[in-house]
Amino acid sequence: MGKIGTIPMIEGLNQDLVKKAQKRLDNLTKPQGSLGRLEELASLIVGITKKENPSLQNKVIFTFAGDHGVTEEGVSAFPKEVTPQMVYNFLRGGAGINVLARYVGARVVVVDMGVASDLKPHSDLIVKKIGYGTKNIAKGPAMTKDEAARAIEAGMEVFDKEFERGIDICGTGDMGIGNTTPSSAIASVFTGRSVKELTGRGTGIDDKAFQNKVRVIEQAIEVNKPDPNNAIDVLSKVGGFEIGGLAGVILAAASKNVPIVIDGFISGAAALIAYHLEPKVKDCLIAAHSSVEIGHKAVLDHIGLSPLLDLNMRLGEGTGAALGMGLAEASIRIMTEMATFESAGVSERSD
């Protein structure tokens, strides 16, 4: 499987540095622990990066696009034509992710992993197309095992190329009409929870379409029988090309000690694939937010992640990841720029 051999390079957290960072935070001019999750986040980033004074200047959000054959089952409120239209919107800088990335100072890397049409060439578009959309998972596998491996490898390649330009922290994002359907299937297979517990309304489908969506996902799992002990099998049978690509980004970033801020449900499904390929990636993951998509919480619980925000978001694209990056930078600035009791000449508490 070529580059997937890089997985053993993932080291996990440097616990000594985590403790050192927390000690430093405890000495800042504030009551101990009074900045809550921000302190935890700063310590985590120190442990991931192996740097006592990390800088999060170079922020990159990877927004991967792909289509899904299962849309022919009527699981989405939008037609698949929206996928390429939104990719062009990303490239023009007009989408939600572009606005929030500009706000936090991140660059957006747009990748065609499997859009069902040929996109017009653009200097900012990376084409890693594995196929013209996946096959219909209600009738058979989404892709071959070879395509699943290639999708992961393509994500690794994209990350490695961007890493040469500099990445201090990265985020994952997605675009693909119908992609909450494979995400629910992946979540159900790995968590062992029922499809109904893990399926939401995606882009906003009505009751009848929702019941159909649950039936389609249940059928996909029954027809394909993905093996929960084999992440490549799960990806190939009920996944998506963009989901595989994002799993590759996560694995590559973790191997380079780069913190990964994951977005919502589809990014969560990609994180599940990466986590089941190499559990040590968990140490490098930061859950930006809890999506409205009902399955997202189950995904985070399964991996063991606690989201930073809960803003009733469900857009995807990496929008939640962008906001999470802002908090990550805030946490590091607190740790590196705030005065200590000693340096500020402030009296510490008297017990």
Protein backbone atom coordinates (compact mmCIF):
# COMPACT_ATOMS: atom_id res chain seq x y z
CA MET A 1 0.00 0.00 0.00
CA GLY A 2 2.84 2.34 -0.80
CA LYS A 3 2.93 5.42 1.40
CA ILE A 4 0.63 3.99 4.05
CA GLY A 5 3.85 2.57 5.42
CA THR A 6 4.42 6.04 7.00
CA ILE A 7 1.87 5.24 9.73
CA PRO A 8 4.44 3.78 12.19
CA MET A 9 6.19 7.19 12.23
CA ILE A 10 3.35 8.59 14.35
CA GLU A 11 4.79 9.06 17.82
CA GLY A 12 1.90 10.48 19.81
CA LEU A 13 2.24 13.15 22.51
CA ASN A 14 5.40 14.13 24.33
CA GLN A 15 3.96 13.89 27.87
CA ASP A 16 6.97 15.57 29.48
CA LEU A 17 6.41 18.68 27.36
CA VAL A 18 2.67 18.57 28.09
CA LYS A 19 3.41 18.67 31.84
CA LYS A 20 5.99 21.41 31.36
CA ALA A 21 3.47 23.51 29.42
CA GLN A 22 0.82 23.05 32.12
CA LYS A 23 3.33 24.11 34.80
CA ARG A 24 4.05 27.25 32.80
CA LEU A 25 0.30 27.95 32.43
CA ASP A 26 -0.12 27.50 36.18
CA ASN A 27 2.44 30.29 36.78
CA LEU A 28 0.69 32.88 34.60
CA THR A 29 -1.08 35.86 36.17
CA LYS A 30 -4.44 34.16 36.70
CA PRO A 31 -5.97 31.64 39.09
CA GLN A 32 -4.82 28.12 38.15
CA GLY A 33 -7.04 26.48 35.56
CA SER A 34 -9.13 29.63 35.09
CA LEU A 35 -8.80 29.55 31.29
CA GLY A 36 -10.18 26.02 31.19
CA ARG A 37 -10.10 24.31 27.81
CA LEU A 38 -7.72 26.94 26.41
CA GLU A 39 -5.04 25.76 28.84
CA GLU A 40 -5.69 22.14 27.96
CA LEU A 41 -5.48 23.04 24.26
CA ALA A 42 -2.15 24.89 24.63
CA SER A 43 -0.60 21.95 26.52
CA LEU A 44 -1.90 19.53 23.89
CA ILE A 45 -0.41 21.56 21.02
CA VAL A 46 2.97 21.68 22.79
CA GLY A 47 2.80 17.89 23.19
CA ILE A 48 1.86 17.33 19.53
CA THR A 49 4.41 19.72 18.01
CA LYS A 50 7.21 18.79 20.46
CA LYS A 51 7.91 22.53 20.69
CA GLU A 52 7.85 24.48 23.96
CA ASN A 53 6.98 27.70 22.11
CA PRO A 54 5.02 26.62 19.04
CA SER A 55 3.95 29.23 16.50
CA LEU A 56 0.69 28.66 14.62
CA GLN A 57 1.39 31.16 11.89
CA ASN A 58 1.02 28.77 8.93
CA LYS A 59 -2.58 27.52 9.01
CA VAL A 60 -3.90 25.32 6.22
CA ILE A 61 -7.41 23.95 5.68
CA PHE A 62 -7.71 21.01 3.32
CA THR A 63 -11.10 21.01 1.60
CA PHE A 64 -11.55 17.81 -0.39
CA ALA A 65 -14.38 17.30 -2.88
CA GLY A 66 -15.97 14.13 -4.20
CA ASP A 67 -19.29 12.85 -5.49
CA HIS A 68 -21.32 9.87 -4.34
CA GLY A 69 -23.21 7.37 -6.49
CA VAL A 70 -25.71 6.86 -3.68
CA THR A 71 -27.32 10.24 -4.52
CA GLU A 72 -29.35 8.35 -7.16
CA GLU A 73 -31.30 6.90 -4.19
CA GLY A 74 -32.69 10.36 -3.32
CA VAL A 75 -30.73 10.80 -0.06
CA SER A 76 -29.95 14.51 -0.53
CA ALA A 77 -32.01 17.68 -0.92
CA PHE A 78 -29.52 18.98 -3.51
CA PRO A 79 -28.50 17.57 -6.92
CA LYS A 80 -24.92 16.37 -7.38
CA GLU A 81 -24.30 19.26 -9.80
CA VAL A 82 -23.84 21.40 -6.69
CA THR A 83 -20.50 19.70 -5.91
CA PRO A 84 -18.55 21.16 -8.88
CA GLN A 85 -20.43 24.47 -8.57
CA MET A 86 -19.28 24.78 -4.96
CA VAL A 87 -15.69 23.85 -5.87
CA TYR A 88 -15.67 26.82 -8.27
CA ASN A 89 -17.09 28.96 -5.44
CA PHE A 90 -14.18 27.86 -3.19
CA LEU A 91 -11.71 28.76 -5.91
CA ARG A 92 -13.31 32.20 -6.33
CA GLY A 93 -13.09 32.77 -2.58
CA GLY A 94 -16.85 33.15 -2.12
CA ALA A 95 -17.77 30.23 0.16
CA GLY A 96 -18.21 30.11 3.93
CA ILE A 97 -14.84 28.40 4.33
CA ASN A 98 -13.07 31.17 2.41
CA VAL A 99 -14.57 33.86 4.64
CA LEU A 100 -13.68 32.08 7.89
CA ALA A 101 -10.23 31.06 6.62
CA ARG A 102 -9.47 34.71 5.82
CA TYR A 103 -10.72 35.65 9.28
CA VAL A 104 -8.28 33.28 11.04
CA GLY A 105 -5.47 33.75 8.52
CA ALA A 106 -5.54 30.28 6.96
CA ARG A 107 -5.01 29.23 3.39
CA VAL A 108 -7.51 26.85 1.81
CA VAL A 109 -6.24 23.94 -0.29
CA VAL A 110 -8.98 22.69 -2.62
CA VAL A 111 -8.64 19.15 -3.95
CA ASP A 112 -10.76 17.25 -6.47
CA MET A 113 -10.72 13.69 -5.15
CA GLY A 114 -13.65 12.39 -7.11
CA VAL A 115 -16.00 15.03 -8.52
CA ALA A 116 -18.28 13.39 -11.11
CA SER A 117 -17.25 15.81 -13.88
CA ASP A 118 -14.04 17.31 -15.24
CA LEU A 119 -13.44 20.64 -13.56
CA LYS A 120 -11.97 23.58 -15.45
CA PRO A 121 -8.23 23.92 -14.72
CA HIS A 122 -7.39 26.48 -12.06
CA SER A 123 -4.06 27.42 -10.51
CA ASP A 124 -5.44 26.77 -7.01
CA LEU A 125 -7.16 23.47 -7.78
CA ILE A 126 -5.30 20.24 -7.05
CA VAL A 127 -6.65 17.29 -9.03
CA LYS A 128 -6.19 13.87 -7.42
CA LYS A 129 -9.29 12.34 -8.97
CA ILE A 130 -9.60 8.65 -8.12
CA GLY A 131 -12.84 8.27 -10.08
CA TYR A 132 -15.90 10.20 -11.27
CA GLY A 133 -17.77 9.80 -8.02
CA THR A 134 -18.12 6.57 -6.05
CA LYS A 135 -20.48 3.76 -7.03
CA ASN A 136 -23.90 3.47 -5.40
CA ILE A 137 -23.25 1.86 -1.99
CA ALA A 138 -26.85 0.65 -1.79
CA LYS A 139 -26.03 -1.79 -4.61
CA GLY A 140 -22.36 -2.67 -4.05
CA PRO A 141 -18.97 -1.32 -2.92
CA ALA A 142 -18.26 2.42 -3.22
CA MET A 143 -14.84 1.67 -4.73
CA THR A 144 -12.21 -1.03 -5.05
CA LYS A 145 -9.71 -1.69 -2.26
CA ASP A 146 -7.00 -0.34 -4.56
CA GLU A 147 -8.96 2.91 -5.05
CA ALA A 148 -9.43 3.20 -1.27
CA ALA A 149 -5.67 2.88 -0.72
CA ARG A 150 -4.99 5.35 -3.54
CA ALA A 151 -7.41 7.88 -2.00
CA ILE A 152 -5.55 7.73 1.33
CA GLU A 153 -2.18 7.96 -0.41
CA ALA A 154 -3.40 10.94 -2.47
CA GLY A 155 -4.34 12.75 0.75
CA MET A 156 -0.89 12.04 2.16
CA GLU A 157 0.75 13.36 -1.01
CA VAL A 158 -1.29 16.58 -0.91
CA PHE A 159 -0.34 17.16 2.72
CA ASP A 160 3.35 16.42 2.13
CA LYS A 161 3.46 18.86 -0.80
CA GLU A 162 1.82 21.64 1.22
CA PHE A 163 4.05 20.85 4.21
CA GLU A 164 7.02 21.95 2.10
CA ARG A 165 5.45 25.44 2.00
CA GLY A 166 5.02 25.39 5.79
CA ILE A 167 2.20 24.08 7.98
CA ASP A 168 2.02 24.70 11.73
CA ILE A 169 -1.58 23.52 12.14
CA CYS A 170 -4.06 22.07 9.67
CA GLY A 171 -7.80 21.58 9.39
CA THR A 172 -9.98 19.19 7.42
CA GLY A 173 -13.00 20.10 5.32
CA ASP A 174 -15.19 18.49 2.69
CA MET A 175 -17.58 19.08 -0.18
CA GLY A 176 -19.71 16.37 -1.72
CA ILE A 177 -23.47 16.15 -2.18
CA GLY A 178 -24.68 12.96 -0.47
CA ASN A 179 -21.61 12.55 1.74
CA THR A 180 -23.46 12.37 5.07
CA THR A 181 -24.83 9.01 3.84
CA PRO A 182 -21.44 7.21 3.65
CA SER A 183 -20.40 9.03 6.84
CA SER A 184 -23.38 7.55 8.71
CA ALA A 185 -22.53 4.11 7.29
CA ILE A 186 -18.88 4.42 8.40
CA ALA A 187 -19.95 5.63 11.85
CA SER A 188 -22.42 2.75 12.26
CA VAL A 189 -19.86 0.11 11.24
CA PHE A 190 -17.15 1.35 13.60
CA THR A 191 -19.28 2.30 16.62
CA GLY A 192 -21.69 -0.63 16.37
CA ARG A 193 -24.63 1.74 16.84
CA SER A 194 -27.78 1.58 14.74
CA VAL A 195 -28.04 3.56 11.51
CA LYS A 196 -31.09 5.43 12.81
CA GLU A 197 -29.14 6.67 15.86
CA LEU A 198 -26.40 8.06 13.62
CA THR A 199 -28.28 9.51 10.66
CA GLY A 200 -29.27 13.16 10.32
CA ARG A 201 -30.96 15.25 7.68
CA GLY A 202 -27.82 16.34 5.86
CA THR A 203 -28.62 19.30 3.63
CA GLY A 204 -32.18 19.47 5.02
CA ILE A 205 -34.32 16.55 3.77
CA ASP A 206 -37.97 16.02 4.81
CA ASP A 207 -39.35 13.11 6.89
CA LYS A 208 -40.06 10.86 3.94
CA ALA A 209 -36.58 11.37 2.46
CA PHE A 210 -35.05 10.86 5.91
CA GLN A 211 -36.75 7.46 6.32
CA ASN A 212 -35.52 6.55 2.83
CA LYS A 213 -31.98 7.65 3.73
CA VAL A 214 -31.96 5.40 6.83
CA ARG A 215 -33.22 2.49 4.72
CA VAL A 216 -30.55 3.11 2.04
CA ILE A 217 -27.71 3.18 4.62
CA GLU A 218 -28.98 0.01 6.30
CA GLN A 219 -29.14 -1.63 2.87
CA ALA A 220 -25.59 -0.47 2.04
CA ILE A 221 -24.23 -2.10 5.19
CA GLU A 222 -26.25 -5.28 4.59
CA VAL A 223 -25.19 -5.57 0.93
CA ASN A 224 -21.50 -4.81 1.50
CA LYS A 225 -20.88 -6.27 4.98
CA PRO A 226 -17.87 -4.00 5.75
CA ASP A 227 -15.42 -5.45 8.27
CA PRO A 228 -15.07 -3.08 11.28
CA ASN A 229 -11.62 -4.54 11.96
CA ASN A 230 -10.36 -3.45 8.54
CA ALA A 231 -10.47 0.29 7.86
CA ILE A 232 -9.57 -0.10 4.17
CA ASP A 233 -12.44 -2.56 3.77
CA VAL A 234 -14.87 -0.10 5.40
CA LEU A 235 -13.64 2.81 3.24
CA SER A 236 -13.82 0.78 0.04
CA LYS A 237 -17.31 -0.59 0.71
CA VAL A 238 -19.21 2.36 2.14
CA GLY A 239 -16.86 5.37 2.02
CA GLY A 240 -16.04 8.25 -0.29
CA PHE A 241 -12.98 9.42 -2.20
CA GLU A 242 -12.84 12.71 -0.25
CA ILE A 243 -13.23 10.80 3.04
CA GLY A 244 -10.26 8.59 2.14
CA GLY A 245 -8.24 11.64 1.10
CA LEU A 246 -8.90 13.40 4.40
CA ALA A 247 -7.90 10.25 6.30
CA GLY A 248 -4.60 10.46 4.40
CA VAL A 249 -4.17 14.11 5.41
CA ILE A 250 -4.74 13.17 9.06
CA LEU A 251 -2.19 10.34 8.93
CA ALA A 252 0.43 12.46 7.16
CA ALA A 253 -0.05 15.42 9.50
CA ALA A 254 0.22 13.22 12.59
CA SER A 255 3.45 11.71 11.25
CA LYS A 256 4.88 15.26 10.96
CA ASN A 257 3.75 16.32 14.47
CA VAL A 258 1.23 18.80 13.06
CA PRO A 259 -2.00 19.34 15.05
CA ILE A 260 -5.13 18.47 13.06
CA VAL A 261 -8.36 20.35 13.71
CA ILE A 262 -11.21 18.22 12.43
CA ASP A 263 -14.44 19.81 11.24
CA GLY A 264 -17.84 18.10 11.38
CA PHE A 265 -19.40 14.76 10.52
CA ILE A 266 -17.62 13.99 7.25
CA SER A 267 -14.24 14.98 8.70
CA GLY A 268 -15.20 12.83 11.67
CA ALA A 269 -15.79 9.85 9.38
CA ALA A 270 -12.34 10.43 7.85
CA ALA A 271 -10.86 10.62 11.36
CA LEU A 272 -12.51 7.25 12.15
CA ILE A 273 -10.79 5.69 9.13
CA ALA A 274 -7.42 7.17 10.14
CA TYR A 275 -7.91 6.21 13.80
CA HIS A 276 -8.72 2.60 12.91
CA LEU A 277 -5.63 2.46 10.69
CA GLU A 278 -3.43 3.90 13.46
CA PRO A 279 -4.99 4.67 16.90
CA LYS A 280 -2.07 6.96 17.80
CA VAL A 281 -3.48 9.67 15.49
CA LYS A 282 -5.98 10.42 18.27
CA ASP A 283 -3.27 12.31 20.18
CA CYS A 284 -2.88 14.76 17.28
CA LEU A 285 -6.60 15.42 16.75
CA ILE A 286 -8.50 18.48 17.97
CA ALA A 287 -12.30 18.35 17.57
CA ALA A 288 -13.33 21.85 16.51
CA HIS A 289 -17.04 21.56 17.23
CA SER A 290 -20.03 19.32 17.70
CA SER A 291 -22.05 19.26 14.50
CA VAL A 292 -25.86 19.26 14.38
CA GLU A 293 -25.46 15.98 12.46
CA ILE A 294 -26.56 13.44 15.04
CA GLY A 295 -23.82 10.90 14.25
CA HIS A 296 -20.97 13.32 14.87
CA LYS A 297 -21.13 13.09 18.67
CA ALA A 298 -20.97 9.28 18.47
CA VAL A 299 -17.89 9.56 16.24
CA LEU A 300 -16.12 11.89 18.69
CA ASP A 301 -17.08 9.69 21.66
CA HIS A 302 -15.73 6.61 19.86
CA ILE A 303 -12.34 8.24 19.23
CA GLY A 304 -12.34 9.92 22.65
CA LEU A 305 -12.44 13.58 21.63
CA SER A 306 -14.23 16.49 23.29
CA PRO A 307 -15.34 19.30 20.93
CA LEU A 308 -14.27 22.89 21.59
CA LEU A 309 -17.47 24.51 20.31
CA ASP A 310 -21.15 23.74 19.87
CA LEU A 311 -22.64 26.29 17.49
CA ASN A 312 -25.36 24.21 15.76
CA MET A 313 -23.21 24.18 12.59
CA ARG A 314 -23.52 21.64 9.78
CA LEU A 315 -22.01 23.31 6.73
CA GLY A 316 -18.79 21.33 6.44
CA GLU A 317 -16.14 22.72 4.05
CA GLY A 318 -13.80 23.13 7.05
CA THR A 319 -15.78 26.04 8.54
CA GLY A 320 -15.77 24.62 12.08
CA ALA A 321 -12.08 23.75 11.73
CA ALA A 322 -11.29 27.38 10.89
CA LEU A 323 -12.96 28.58 14.10
CA GLY A 324 -11.17 25.85 16.06
CA MET A 325 -7.85 27.06 14.67
CA GLY A 326 -8.62 30.54 15.98
CA LEU A 327 -9.06 29.09 19.48
CA ALA A 328 -5.86 27.04 19.07
CA GLU A 329 -3.90 30.18 18.24
CA ALA A 330 -5.52 32.03 21.16
CA SER A 331 -4.44 29.25 23.52
CA ILE A 332 -0.82 29.38 22.37
CA ARG A 333 -0.74 33.18 22.61
CA ILE A 334 -2.03 33.00 26.19
CA MET A 335 0.77 30.59 27.06
CA THR A 336 3.58 32.43 25.28
CA GLU A 337 2.59 36.12 25.72
CA MET A 338 0.99 36.33 29.16
CA ALA A 339 3.13 37.45 32.12
CA THR A 340 3.97 35.16 35.01
CA PHE A 341 3.36 36.23 38.62
CA GLU A 342 7.10 36.69 39.02
CA SER A 343 7.72 38.69 35.82
CA ALA A 344 4.73 40.95 36.50
CA GLY A 345 5.48 41.44 40.17
CA VAL A 346 2.01 40.18 41.09
CA SER A 347 1.50 38.43 44.41
CA GLU A 348 0.44 34.80 44.21
CA ARG A 349 -2.42 33.40 46.25
CA SER A 350 -1.73 32.82 49.92
CA ASP A 351 -2.94 29.51 51.28
